[in-house]
Amino acid sequence: MRRHGFLLSRHDTDLWCRELHIDLRSLARAQRLRRRRRRALWLLAVLCFVAAVLALLWRGLS
């Protein structure tokens, strides 16, 4: 495997691939957490909006 013009040994290649795999897994985990957090914020915003509309309707009917 060539990397920056140097020929890596099998051991170096294995280490590099292992580190890359760990980095990709941690990146995927971070993306999942970010997506989950964004979804939770959207849900919170929708619930707040619904609560505000219901409060206005309840006050208007009273």
Protein backbone atom coordinates (compact mmCIF):
# COMPACT_ATOMS: atom_id res chain seq x y z
CA MET A 1 0.00 0.00 0.00
CA ARG A 2 1.42 3.36 -0.96
CA ARG A 3 1.02 6.31 1.34
CA HIS A 4 2.67 9.65 0.60
CA GLY A 5 5.10 7.99 -1.76
CA PHE A 6 6.36 5.48 0.83
CA LEU A 7 5.81 1.77 0.61
CA LEU A 8 4.30 0.59 3.88
CA SER A 9 4.97 -2.81 5.33
CA ARG A 10 2.12 -5.21 5.97
CA HIS A 11 2.28 -4.41 9.70
CA ASP A 12 2.18 -0.64 9.08
CA THR A 13 -0.68 -1.09 6.64
CA ASP A 14 -2.64 -3.15 9.17
CA LEU A 15 -2.07 -0.55 11.89
CA TRP A 16 -3.07 2.29 9.56
CA CYS A 17 -6.26 0.48 8.47
CA ARG A 18 -7.12 -0.34 12.09
CA GLU A 19 -6.71 3.32 13.12
CA LEU A 20 -8.72 4.44 10.11
CA HIS A 21 -11.49 1.97 10.95
CA ILE A 22 -11.64 3.22 14.55
CA ASP A 23 -11.73 6.82 13.33
CA LEU A 24 -14.54 6.01 10.90
CA ARG A 25 -16.52 4.27 13.64
CA SER A 26 -16.14 7.21 16.02
CA LEU A 27 -17.13 9.59 13.22
CA ALA A 28 -20.24 7.52 12.49
CA ARG A 29 -21.10 7.48 16.20
CA ALA A 30 -20.74 11.27 16.39
CA GLN A 31 -22.98 11.69 13.35
CA ARG A 32 -25.64 9.44 14.88
CA LEU A 33 -25.56 11.42 18.12
CA ARG A 34 -25.79 14.70 16.23
CA ARG A 35 -28.75 13.38 14.21
CA ARG A 36 -30.51 12.14 17.35
CA ARG A 37 -29.94 15.47 19.12
CA ARG A 38 -31.28 17.40 16.11
CA ARG A 39 -34.38 15.17 15.99
CA ALA A 40 -34.95 15.71 19.73
CA LEU A 41 -34.70 19.49 19.30
CA TRP A 42 -37.23 19.42 16.44
CA LEU A 43 -39.60 17.34 18.55
CA LEU A 44 -39.24 19.75 21.47
CA ALA A 45 -39.93 22.73 19.17
CA VAL A 46 -43.06 21.06 17.76
CA LEU A 47 -44.33 20.19 21.25
CA CYS A 48 -43.77 23.78 22.43
CA PHE A 49 -45.63 25.09 19.37
CA VAL A 50 -48.56 22.73 19.98
CA ALA A 51 -48.66 23.71 23.66
CA ALA A 52 -48.71 27.41 22.72
CA VAL A 53 -51.54 26.90 20.21
CA LEU A 54 -53.56 24.89 22.73
CA ALA A 55 -53.02 27.57 25.40
CA LEU A 56 -54.21 30.28 23.00
CA LEU A 57 -57.27 28.24 22.01
CA TRP A 58 -58.10 27.43 25.64
CA ARG A 59 -57.78 31.09 26.62
CA GLY A 60 -59.89 32.13 23.64
CA LEU A 61 -62.66 29.69 24.50
CA SER A 62 -62.76 30.62 28.19
